[in-house]
Amino acid sequence: MISTSTESPLALLDLIQAFVESLDKLFENVSELDLIFNFETLHATLGEMIVGGIVVETNSEKITKAVREQGRVTQRKEAASGRHGILGWGGGLRGIG
């Protein structure tokens, strides 16, 4: 982690922790696939935390509330499909073979 003389390394670690906690609340146990397929929520979360390069919010409750109010949270479709294909979510390689 790189920080300048005006930034506290502990504050940067706190920012990362708040970011992860917010994502975990938004996605209810966040995984890598949530971040890949719902990158809009990831960007909206960072947008609530950092504005113009300045950290404006680290309270995960306020961050998750603001992102949900924007309507940027997409629910996971894992429960609906029940299984994953070879190529990720969905049917996989249908019609091949």
PDB file of N, CA and C in Angstrom:
ATOM      1  N   MET A   1       0.847  -1.161   0.000  1.00  0.00           N
ATOM      2  CA  MET A   1       0.000   0.000   0.000  1.00  0.00           C
ATOM      3  C   MET A   1       0.900   1.234   0.000  1.00  0.00           C
ATOM      4  N   ILE A   2       0.587   2.166  -0.871  1.00  0.00           N
ATOM      5  CA  ILE A   2       1.377   3.383  -0.999  1.00  0.00           C
ATOM      6  C   ILE A   2       0.578   4.547  -0.431  1.00  0.00           C
ATOM      7  N   SER A   3       1.210   5.329   0.425  1.00  0.00           N
ATOM      8  CA  SER A   3       0.566   6.521   0.962  1.00  0.00           C
ATOM      9  C   SER A   3       1.559   7.671   0.932  1.00  0.00           C
ATOM     10  N   THR A   4       1.031   8.871   0.772  1.00  0.00           N
ATOM     11  CA  THR A   4       1.891  10.050   0.769  1.00  0.00           C
ATOM     12  C   THR A   4       2.110  10.508   2.210  1.00  0.00           C
ATOM     13  N   SER A   5       2.907  11.549   2.359  1.00  0.00           N
ATOM     14  CA  SER A   5       3.209  12.039   3.706  1.00  0.00           C
ATOM     15  C   SER A   5       1.982  12.642   4.386  1.00  0.00           C
ATOM     16  N   THR A   6       0.977  13.033   3.611  1.00  0.00           N
ATOM     17  CA  THR A   6      -0.230  13.622   4.201  1.00  0.00           C
ATOM     18  C   THR A   6      -1.304  12.583   4.496  1.00  0.00           C
ATOM     19  N   GLU A   7      -1.097  11.350   4.060  1.00  0.00           N
ATOM     20  CA  GLU A   7      -2.087  10.292   4.273  1.00  0.00           C
ATOM     21  C   GLU A   7      -1.608   9.321   5.342  1.00  0.00           C
ATOM     22  N   SER A   8      -2.520   8.856   6.116  1.00  0.00           N
ATOM     23  CA  SER A   8      -2.206   7.883   7.151  1.00  0.00           C
ATOM     24  C   SER A   8      -2.411   6.471   6.604  1.00  0.00           C
ATOM     25  N   PRO A   9      -1.411   5.605   6.739  1.00  0.00           N
ATOM     26  CA  PRO A   9      -1.601   4.213   6.301  1.00  0.00           C
ATOM     27  C   PRO A   9      -2.760   3.532   7.039  1.00  0.00           C
ATOM     28  N   LEU A  10      -2.969   3.893   8.297  1.00  0.00           N
ATOM     29  CA  LEU A  10      -4.087   3.309   9.048  1.00  0.00           C
ATOM     30  C   LEU A  10      -5.430   3.772   8.502  1.00  0.00           C
ATOM     31  N   ALA A  11      -5.494   5.013   8.041  1.00  0.00           N
ATOM     32  CA  ALA A  11      -6.734   5.515   7.441  1.00  0.00           C
ATOM     33  C   ALA A  11      -7.033   4.780   6.139  1.00  0.00           C
ATOM     34  N   LEU A  12      -5.992   4.454   5.370  1.00  0.00           N
ATOM     35  CA  LEU A  12      -6.190   3.697   4.133  1.00  0.00           C
ATOM     36  C   LEU A  12      -6.691   2.286   4.434  1.00  0.00           C
ATOM     37  N   LEU A  13      -6.147   1.667   5.470  1.00  0.00           N
ATOM     38  CA  LEU A  13      -6.630   0.345   5.866  1.00  0.00           C
ATOM     39  C   LEU A  13      -8.083   0.412   6.335  1.00  0.00           C
ATOM     40  N   ASP A  14      -8.442   1.480   7.034  1.00  0.00           N
ATOM     41  CA  ASP A  14      -9.826   1.674   7.466  1.00  0.00           C
ATOM     42  C   ASP A  14     -10.754   1.845   6.267  1.00  0.00           C
ATOM     43  N   LEU A  15     -10.291   2.554   5.248  1.00  0.00           N
ATOM     44  CA  LEU A  15     -11.075   2.736   4.021  1.00  0.00           C
ATOM     45  C   LEU A  15     -11.331   1.391   3.342  1.00  0.00           C
ATOM     46  N   ILE A  16     -10.306   0.575   3.241  1.00  0.00           N
ATOM     47  CA  ILE A  16     -10.452  -0.746   2.619  1.00  0.00           C
ATOM     48  C   ILE A  16     -11.426  -1.603   3.423  1.00  0.00           C
ATOM     49  N   GLN A  17     -11.311  -1.574   4.743  1.00  0.00           N
ATOM     50  CA  GLN A  17     -12.213  -2.355   5.587  1.00  0.00           C
ATOM     51  C   GLN A  17     -13.655  -1.886   5.431  1.00  0.00           C
ATOM     52  N   ALA A  18     -13.872  -0.586   5.398  1.00  0.00           N
ATOM     53  CA  ALA A  18     -15.229  -0.053   5.222  1.00  0.00           C
ATOM     54  C   ALA A  18     -15.787  -0.443   3.857  1.00  0.00           C
ATOM     55  N   PHE A  19     -14.942  -0.444   2.821  1.00  0.00           N
ATOM     56  CA  PHE A  19     -15.360  -0.829   1.474  1.00  0.00           C
ATOM     57  C   PHE A  19     -15.803  -2.291   1.448  1.00  0.00           C
ATOM     58  N   VAL A  20     -15.006  -3.161   2.034  1.00  0.00           N
ATOM     59  CA  VAL A  20     -15.329  -4.591   2.055  1.00  0.00           C
ATOM     60  C   VAL A  20     -16.589  -4.849   2.887  1.00  0.00           C
ATOM     61  N   GLU A  21     -16.723  -4.189   4.026  1.00  0.00           N
ATOM     62  CA  GLU A  21     -17.923  -4.357   4.852  1.00  0.00           C
ATOM     63  C   GLU A  21     -19.175  -3.895   4.110  1.00  0.00           C
ATOM     64  N   SER A  22     -19.059  -2.795   3.390  1.00  0.00           N
ATOM     65  CA  SER A  22     -20.205  -2.284   2.630  1.00  0.00           C
ATOM     66  C   SER A  22     -20.610  -3.257   1.536  1.00  0.00           C
ATOM     67  N   LEU A  23     -19.631  -3.782   0.803  1.00  0.00           N
ATOM     68  CA  LEU A  23     -19.933  -4.753  -0.249  1.00  0.00           C
ATOM     69  C   LEU A  23     -20.547  -6.017   0.339  1.00  0.00           C
ATOM     70  N   ASP A  24     -20.052  -6.436   1.490  1.00  0.00           N
ATOM     71  CA  ASP A  24     -20.583  -7.635   2.128  1.00  0.00           C
ATOM     72  C   ASP A  24     -22.039  -7.440   2.539  1.00  0.00           C
ATOM     73  N   LYS A  25     -22.392  -6.245   2.994  1.00  0.00           N
ATOM     74  CA  LYS A  25     -23.783  -5.958   3.353  1.00  0.00           C
ATOM     75  C   LYS A  25     -24.666  -5.861   2.112  1.00  0.00           C
ATOM     76  N   LEU A  26     -24.141  -5.283   1.049  1.00  0.00           N
ATOM     77  CA  LEU A  26     -24.933  -5.120  -0.171  1.00  0.00           C
ATOM     78  C   LEU A  26     -25.217  -6.453  -0.849  1.00  0.00           C
ATOM     79  N   PHE A  27     -24.221  -7.335  -0.881  1.00  0.00           N
ATOM     80  CA  PHE A  27     -24.362  -8.606  -1.585  1.00  0.00           C
ATOM     81  C   PHE A  27     -24.687  -9.771  -0.665  1.00  0.00           C
ATOM     82  N   GLU A  28     -24.746  -9.542   0.644  1.00  0.00           N
ATOM     83  CA  GLU A  28     -25.016 -10.612   1.604  1.00  0.00           C
ATOM     84  C   GLU A  28     -24.031 -11.754   1.405  1.00  0.00           C
ATOM     85  N   ASN A  29     -22.823 -11.566   1.853  1.00  0.00           N
ATOM     86  CA  ASN A  29     -21.708 -12.501   1.719  1.00  0.00           C
ATOM     87  C   ASN A  29     -21.119 -12.407   0.311  1.00  0.00           C
ATOM     88  N   VAL A  30     -20.394 -11.360   0.068  1.00  0.00           N
ATOM     89  CA  VAL A  30     -19.860 -11.037  -1.253  1.00  0.00           C
ATOM     90  C   VAL A  30     -18.850 -12.083  -1.725  1.00  0.00           C
ATOM     91  N   SER A  31     -18.854 -12.338  -3.034  1.00  0.00           N
ATOM     92  CA  SER A  31     -17.876 -13.236  -3.648  1.00  0.00           C
ATOM     93  C   SER A  31     -17.280 -12.548  -4.872  1.00  0.00           C
ATOM     94  N   GLU A  32     -16.275 -13.178  -5.460  1.00  0.00           N
ATOM     95  CA  GLU A  32     -15.626 -12.606  -6.635  1.00  0.00           C
ATOM     96  C   GLU A  32     -16.601 -12.473  -7.800  1.00  0.00           C
ATOM     97  N   LEU A  33     -17.508 -13.426  -7.943  1.00  0.00           N
ATOM     98  CA  LEU A  33     -18.476 -13.376  -9.040  1.00  0.00           C
ATOM     99  C   LEU A  33     -19.432 -12.200  -8.891  1.00  0.00           C
ATOM    100  N   ASP A  34     -19.768 -11.857  -7.641  1.00  0.00           N
ATOM    101  CA  ASP A  34     -20.604 -10.673  -7.418  1.00  0.00           C
ATOM    102  C   ASP A  34     -19.914  -9.430  -7.958  1.00  0.00           C
ATOM    103  N   LEU A  35     -18.624  -9.322  -7.724  1.00  0.00           N
ATOM    104  CA  LEU A  35     -17.876  -8.147  -8.171  1.00  0.00           C
ATOM    105  C   LEU A  35     -17.732  -8.117  -9.685  1.00  0.00           C
ATOM    106  N   ILE A  36     -17.581  -9.270 -10.304  1.00  0.00           N
ATOM    107  CA  ILE A  36     -17.417  -9.322 -11.760  1.00  0.00           C
ATOM    108  C   ILE A  36     -18.723  -8.978 -12.467  1.00  0.00           C
ATOM    109  N   PHE A  37     -19.820  -9.603 -12.048  1.00  0.00           N
ATOM    110  CA  PHE A  37     -21.083  -9.432 -12.755  1.00  0.00           C
ATOM    111  C   PHE A  37     -21.878  -8.205 -12.313  1.00  0.00           C
ATOM    112  N   ASN A  38     -21.516  -7.603 -11.198  1.00  0.00           N
ATOM    113  CA  ASN A  38     -22.233  -6.433 -10.686  1.00  0.00           C
ATOM    114  C   ASN A  38     -21.263  -5.294 -10.398  1.00  0.00           C
ATOM    115  N   PHE A  39     -20.404  -5.021 -11.358  1.00  0.00           N
ATOM    116  CA  PHE A  39     -19.398  -3.985 -11.149  1.00  0.00           C
ATOM    117  C   PHE A  39     -20.015  -2.601 -10.976  1.00  0.00           C
ATOM    118  N   GLU A  40     -21.261  -2.406 -11.432  1.00  0.00           N
ATOM    119  CA  GLU A  40     -21.923  -1.114 -11.235  1.00  0.00           C
ATOM    120  C   GLU A  40     -22.119  -0.827  -9.750  1.00  0.00           C
ATOM    121  N   THR A  41     -22.463  -1.861  -8.992  1.00  0.00           N
ATOM    122  CA  THR A  41     -22.625  -1.701  -7.550  1.00  0.00           C
ATOM    123  C   THR A  41     -21.288  -1.385  -6.900  1.00  0.00           C
ATOM    124  N   LEU A  42     -20.237  -2.028  -7.369  1.00  0.00           N
ATOM    125  CA  LEU A  42     -18.895  -1.763  -6.863  1.00  0.00           C
ATOM    126  C   LEU A  42     -18.520  -0.306  -7.095  1.00  0.00           C
ATOM    127  N   HIS A  43     -18.764   0.200  -8.295  1.00  0.00           N
ATOM    128  CA  HIS A  43     -18.451   1.597  -8.619  1.00  0.00           C
ATOM    129  C   HIS A  43     -19.321   2.562  -7.824  1.00  0.00           C
ATOM    130  N   ALA A  44     -20.594   2.234  -7.655  1.00  0.00           N
ATOM    131  CA  ALA A  44     -21.484   3.100  -6.878  1.00  0.00           C
ATOM    132  C   ALA A  44     -21.036   3.169  -5.421  1.00  0.00           C
ATOM    133  N   THR A  45     -20.567   2.045  -4.887  1.00  0.00           N
ATOM    134  CA  THR A  45     -20.082   2.021  -3.506  1.00  0.00           C
ATOM    135  C   THR A  45     -18.850   2.895  -3.353  1.00  0.00           C
ATOM    136  N   LEU A  46     -17.905   2.759  -4.277  1.00  0.00           N
ATOM    137  CA  LEU A  46     -16.717   3.623  -4.232  1.00  0.00           C
ATOM    138  C   LEU A  46     -17.092   5.083  -4.430  1.00  0.00           C
ATOM    139  N   GLY A  47     -18.080   5.335  -5.277  1.00  0.00           N
ATOM    140  CA  GLY A  47     -18.531   6.701  -5.515  1.00  0.00           C
ATOM    141  C   GLY A  47     -19.140   7.346  -4.288  1.00  0.00           C
ATOM    142  N   GLU A  48     -19.761   6.539  -3.433  1.00  0.00           N
ATOM    143  CA  GLU A  48     -20.305   7.065  -2.179  1.00  0.00           C
ATOM    144  C   GLU A  48     -19.211   7.326  -1.156  1.00  0.00           C
ATOM    145  N   MET A  49     -18.106   6.586  -1.260  1.00  0.00           N
ATOM    146  CA  MET A  49     -17.030   6.710  -0.282  1.00  0.00           C
ATOM    147  C   MET A  49     -16.005   7.774  -0.651  1.00  0.00           C
ATOM    148  N   ILE A  50     -15.689   7.880  -1.937  1.00  0.00           N
ATOM    149  CA  ILE A  50     -14.623   8.771  -2.393  1.00  0.00           C
ATOM    150  C   ILE A  50     -15.188   9.719  -3.442  1.00  0.00           C
ATOM    151  N   VAL A  51     -15.008  11.010  -3.230  1.00  0.00           N
ATOM    152  CA  VAL A  51     -15.455  12.026  -4.177  1.00  0.00           C
ATOM    153  C   VAL A  51     -14.283  12.960  -4.449  1.00  0.00           C
ATOM    154  N   GLY A  52     -13.891  13.058  -5.703  1.00  0.00           N
ATOM    155  CA  GLY A  52     -12.791  13.946  -6.067  1.00  0.00           C
ATOM    156  C   GLY A  52     -11.473  13.565  -5.425  1.00  0.00           C
ATOM    157  N   GLY A  53     -11.270  12.280  -5.169  1.00  0.00           N
ATOM    158  CA  GLY A  53     -10.033  11.821  -4.558  1.00  0.00           C
ATOM    159  C   GLY A  53      -9.980  11.994  -3.051  1.00  0.00           C
ATOM    160  N   ILE A  54     -11.076  12.418  -2.460  1.00  0.00           N
ATOM    161  CA  ILE A  54     -11.128  12.634  -1.014  1.00  0.00           C
ATOM    162  C   ILE A  54     -12.143  11.671  -0.406  1.00  0.00           C
ATOM    163  N   VAL A  55     -11.763  11.029   0.673  1.00  0.00           N
ATOM    164  CA  VAL A  55     -12.670  10.123   1.374  1.00  0.00           C
ATOM    165  C   VAL A  55     -13.714  10.964   2.098  1.00  0.00           C
ATOM    166  N   VAL A  56     -14.984  10.746   1.737  1.00  0.00           N
ATOM    167  CA  VAL A  56     -16.063  11.533   2.338  1.00  0.00           C
ATOM    168  C   VAL A  56     -16.938  10.712   3.282  1.00  0.00           C
ATOM    169  N   GLU A  57     -16.884   9.379   3.180  1.00  0.00           N
ATOM    170  CA  GLU A  57     -17.737   8.549   4.038  1.00  0.00           C
ATOM    171  C   GLU A  57     -17.090   7.196   4.271  1.00  0.00           C
ATOM    172  N   THR A  58     -17.064   6.747   5.532  1.00  0.00           N
ATOM    173  CA  THR A  58     -16.572   5.408   5.852  1.00  0.00           C
ATOM    174  C   THR A  58     -17.573   4.618   6.694  1.00  0.00           C
ATOM    175  N   ASN A  59     -18.727   5.188   6.961  1.00  0.00           N
ATOM    176  CA  ASN A  59     -19.767   4.488   7.711  1.00  0.00           C
ATOM    177  C   ASN A  59     -20.494   3.544   6.757  1.00  0.00           C
ATOM    178  N   SER A  60     -20.319   2.238   6.962  1.00  0.00           N
ATOM    179  CA  SER A  60     -20.874   1.259   6.020  1.00  0.00           C
ATOM    180  C   SER A  60     -22.403   1.289   5.981  1.00  0.00           C
ATOM    181  N   GLU A  61     -23.057   1.639   7.078  1.00  0.00           N
ATOM    182  CA  GLU A  61     -24.523   1.730   7.085  1.00  0.00           C
ATOM    183  C   GLU A  61     -25.004   2.833   6.141  1.00  0.00           C
ATOM    184  N   LYS A  62     -24.384   3.997   6.219  1.00  0.00           N
ATOM    185  CA  LYS A  62     -24.761   5.117   5.355  1.00  0.00           C
ATOM    186  C   LYS A  62     -24.450   4.814   3.893  1.00  0.00           C
ATOM    187  N   ILE A  63     -23.327   4.149   3.660  1.00  0.00           N
ATOM    188  CA  ILE A  63     -22.917   3.821   2.290  1.00  0.00           C
ATOM    189  C   ILE A  63     -23.906   2.843   1.663  1.00  0.00           C
ATOM    190  N   THR A  64     -24.238   1.766   2.374  1.00  0.00           N
ATOM    191  CA  THR A  64     -25.161   0.771   1.816  1.00  0.00           C
ATOM    192  C   THR A  64     -26.551   1.362   1.612  1.00  0.00           C
ATOM    193  N   LYS A  65     -26.987   2.220   2.525  1.00  0.00           N
ATOM    194  CA  LYS A  65     -28.294   2.861   2.368  1.00  0.00           C
ATOM    195  C   LYS A  65     -28.318   3.728   1.111  1.00  0.00           C
ATOM    196  N   ALA A  66     -27.261   4.508   0.884  1.00  0.00           N
ATOM    197  CA  ALA A  66     -27.208   5.390  -0.284  1.00  0.00           C
ATOM    198  C   ALA A  66     -27.163   4.598  -1.587  1.00  0.00           C
ATOM    199  N   VAL A  67     -26.406   3.507  -1.621  1.00  0.00           N
ATOM    200  CA  VAL A  67     -26.311   2.692  -2.842  1.00  0.00           C
ATOM    201  C   VAL A  67     -27.647   2.013  -3.117  1.00  0.00           C
ATOM    202  N   ARG A  68     -28.309   1.520  -2.080  1.00  0.00           N
ATOM    203  CA  ARG A  68     -29.626   0.890  -2.273  1.00  0.00           C
ATOM    204  C   ARG A  68     -30.653   1.900  -2.759  1.00  0.00           C
ATOM    205  N   GLU A  69     -30.583   3.123  -2.253  1.00  0.00           N
ATOM    206  CA  GLU A  69     -31.516   4.159  -2.698  1.00  0.00           C
ATOM    207  C   GLU A  69     -31.305   4.513  -4.167  1.00  0.00           C
ATOM    208  N   GLN A  70     -30.076   4.374  -4.650  1.00  0.00           N
ATOM    209  CA  GLN A  70     -29.792   4.627  -6.065  1.00  0.00           C
ATOM    210  C   GLN A  70     -30.342   3.511  -6.948  1.00  0.00           C
ATOM    211  N   GLY A  71     -30.644   2.367  -6.351  1.00  0.00           N
ATOM    212  CA  GLY A  71     -31.149   1.238  -7.121  1.00  0.00           C
ATOM    213  C   GLY A  71     -30.057   0.527  -7.898  1.00  0.00           C
ATOM    214  N   ARG A  72     -28.837   0.577  -7.405  1.00  0.00           N
ATOM    215  CA  ARG A  72     -27.705  -0.017  -8.112  1.00  0.00           C
ATOM    216  C   ARG A  72     -27.369  -1.434  -7.665  1.00  0.00           C
ATOM    217  N   VAL A  73     -28.128  -1.986  -6.735  1.00  0.00           N
ATOM    218  CA  VAL A  73     -27.822  -3.316  -6.222  1.00  0.00           C
ATOM    219  C   VAL A  73     -28.588  -4.350  -7.021  1.00  0.00           C
ATOM    220  N   THR A  74     -27.885  -5.331  -7.567  1.00  0.00           N
ATOM    221  CA  THR A  74     -28.488  -6.427  -8.313  1.00  0.00           C
ATOM    222  C   THR A  74     -28.394  -7.684  -7.467  1.00  0.00           C
ATOM    223  N   GLN A  75     -29.500  -8.369  -7.304  1.00  0.00           N
ATOM    224  CA  GLN A  75     -29.502  -9.579  -6.495  1.00  0.00           C
ATOM    225  C   GLN A  75     -28.884 -10.731  -7.265  1.00  0.00           C
ATOM    226  N   ARG A  76     -28.269 -11.626  -6.547  1.00  0.00           N
ATOM    227  CA  ARG A  76     -27.609 -12.796  -7.105  1.00  0.00           C
ATOM    228  C   ARG A  76     -28.644 -13.752  -7.682  1.00  0.00           C
ATOM    229  N   LYS A  77     -28.374 -14.325  -8.849  1.00  0.00           N
ATOM    230  CA  LYS A  77     -29.303 -15.238  -9.519  1.00  0.00           C
ATOM    231  C   LYS A  77     -28.974 -16.698  -9.236  1.00  0.00           C
ATOM    232  N   GLU A  78     -28.088 -16.960  -8.321  1.00  0.00           N
ATOM    233  CA  GLU A  78     -27.639 -18.308  -8.016  1.00  0.00           C
ATOM    234  C   GLU A  78     -28.784 -19.199  -7.545  1.00  0.00           C
ATOM    235  N   ALA A  79     -29.655 -18.687  -6.713  1.00  0.00           N
ATOM    236  CA  ALA A  79     -30.749 -19.495  -6.172  1.00  0.00           C
ATOM    237  C   ALA A  79     -31.738 -19.896  -7.258  1.00  0.00           C
ATOM    238  N   ALA A  80     -31.918 -19.060  -8.264  1.00  0.00           N
ATOM    239  CA  ALA A  80     -32.877 -19.351  -9.323  1.00  0.00           C
ATOM    240  C   ALA A  80     -32.381 -20.455 -10.249  1.00  0.00           C
ATOM    241  N   SER A  81     -31.104 -20.431 -10.602  1.00  0.00           N
ATOM    242  CA  SER A  81     -30.587 -21.407 -11.555  1.00  0.00           C
ATOM    243  C   SER A  81     -30.249 -22.729 -10.881  1.00  0.00           C
ATOM    244  N   GLY A  82     -29.720 -22.681  -9.668  1.00  0.00           N
ATOM    245  CA  GLY A  82     -29.421 -23.901  -8.946  1.00  0.00           C
ATOM    246  C   GLY A  82     -28.115 -24.562  -9.332  1.00  0.00           C
ATOM    247  N   ARG A  83     -27.569 -24.266 -10.502  1.00  0.00           N
ATOM    248  CA  ARG A  83     -26.290 -24.852 -10.905  1.00  0.00           C
ATOM    249  C   ARG A  83     -25.600 -23.915 -11.877  1.00  0.00           C
ATOM    250  N   HIS A  84     -24.334 -24.150 -12.069  1.00  0.00           N
ATOM    251  CA  HIS A  84     -23.534 -23.299 -12.938  1.00  0.00           C
ATOM    252  C   HIS A  84     -23.029 -24.116 -14.117  1.00  0.00           C
ATOM    253  N   GLY A  85     -22.958 -23.486 -15.277  1.00  0.00           N
ATOM    254  CA  GLY A  85     -22.419 -24.145 -16.451  1.00  0.00           C
ATOM    255  C   GLY A  85     -20.912 -24.039 -16.498  1.00  0.00           C
ATOM    256  N   ILE A  86     -20.325 -24.611 -17.532  1.00  0.00           N
ATOM    257  CA  ILE A  86     -18.879 -24.591 -17.685  1.00  0.00           C
ATOM    258  C   ILE A  86     -18.369 -23.172 -17.876  1.00  0.00           C
ATOM    259  N   LEU A  87     -19.138 -22.349 -18.547  1.00  0.00           N
ATOM    260  CA  LEU A  87     -18.705 -20.983 -18.822  1.00  0.00           C
ATOM    261  C   LEU A  87     -19.194 -19.990 -17.773  1.00  0.00           C
ATOM    262  N   GLY A  88     -19.557 -20.457 -16.594  1.00  0.00           N
ATOM    263  CA  GLY A  88     -19.999 -19.535 -15.546  1.00  0.00           C
ATOM    264  C   GLY A  88     -21.475 -19.684 -15.290  1.00  0.00           C
ATOM    265  N   TRP A  89     -22.150 -18.573 -15.055  1.00  0.00           N
ATOM    266  CA  TRP A  89     -23.568 -18.578 -14.725  1.00  0.00           C
ATOM    267  C   TRP A  89     -24.390 -18.956 -15.949  1.00  0.00           C
ATOM    268  N   GLY A  90     -25.438 -19.726 -15.739  1.00  0.00           N
ATOM    269  CA  GLY A  90     -26.336 -20.039 -16.837  1.00  0.00           C
ATOM    270  C   GLY A  90     -26.188 -21.463 -17.322  1.00  0.00           C
ATOM    271  N   GLY A  91     -26.441 -21.654 -18.603  1.00  0.00           N
ATOM    272  CA  GLY A  91     -26.521 -22.987 -19.162  1.00  0.00           C
ATOM    273  C   GLY A  91     -25.225 -23.602 -19.613  1.00  0.00           C
ATOM    274  N   GLY A  92     -24.146 -22.853 -19.662  1.00  0.00           N
ATOM    275  CA  GLY A  92     -22.871 -23.430 -20.057  1.00  0.00           C
ATOM    276  C   GLY A  92     -22.778 -23.630 -21.553  1.00  0.00           C
ATOM    277  N   LEU A  93     -22.425 -24.838 -21.961  1.00  0.00           N
ATOM    278  CA  LEU A  93     -22.196 -25.141 -23.376  1.00  0.00           C
ATOM    279  C   LEU A  93     -23.375 -25.907 -23.957  1.00  0.00           C
ATOM    280  N   ARG A  94     -24.517 -25.321 -24.012  1.00  0.00           N
ATOM    281  CA  ARG A  94     -25.692 -25.981 -24.585  1.00  0.00           C
ATOM    282  C   ARG A  94     -25.526 -26.135 -26.093  1.00  0.00           C
ATOM    283  N   GLY A  95     -25.939 -27.260 -26.587  1.00  0.00           N
ATOM    284  CA  GLY A  95     -25.924 -27.488 -28.025  1.00  0.00           C
ATOM    285  C   GLY A  95     -24.581 -27.933 -28.577  1.00  0.00           C
ATOM    286  N   ILE A  96     -23.574 -28.037 -27.734  1.00  0.00           N
ATOM    287  CA  ILE A  96     -22.258 -28.478 -28.203  1.00  0.00           C
ATOM    288  C   ILE A  96     -22.061 -29.914 -27.754  1.00  0.00           C
ATOM    289  N   GLY A  97     -21.597 -30.745 -28.664  1.00  0.00           N
ATOM    290  CA  GLY A  97     -21.204 -32.073 -28.272  1.00  0.00           C
ATOM    291  C   GLY A  97     -22.165 -33.097 -28.625  1.00  0.00           C
TER     292      GLY A  97
END
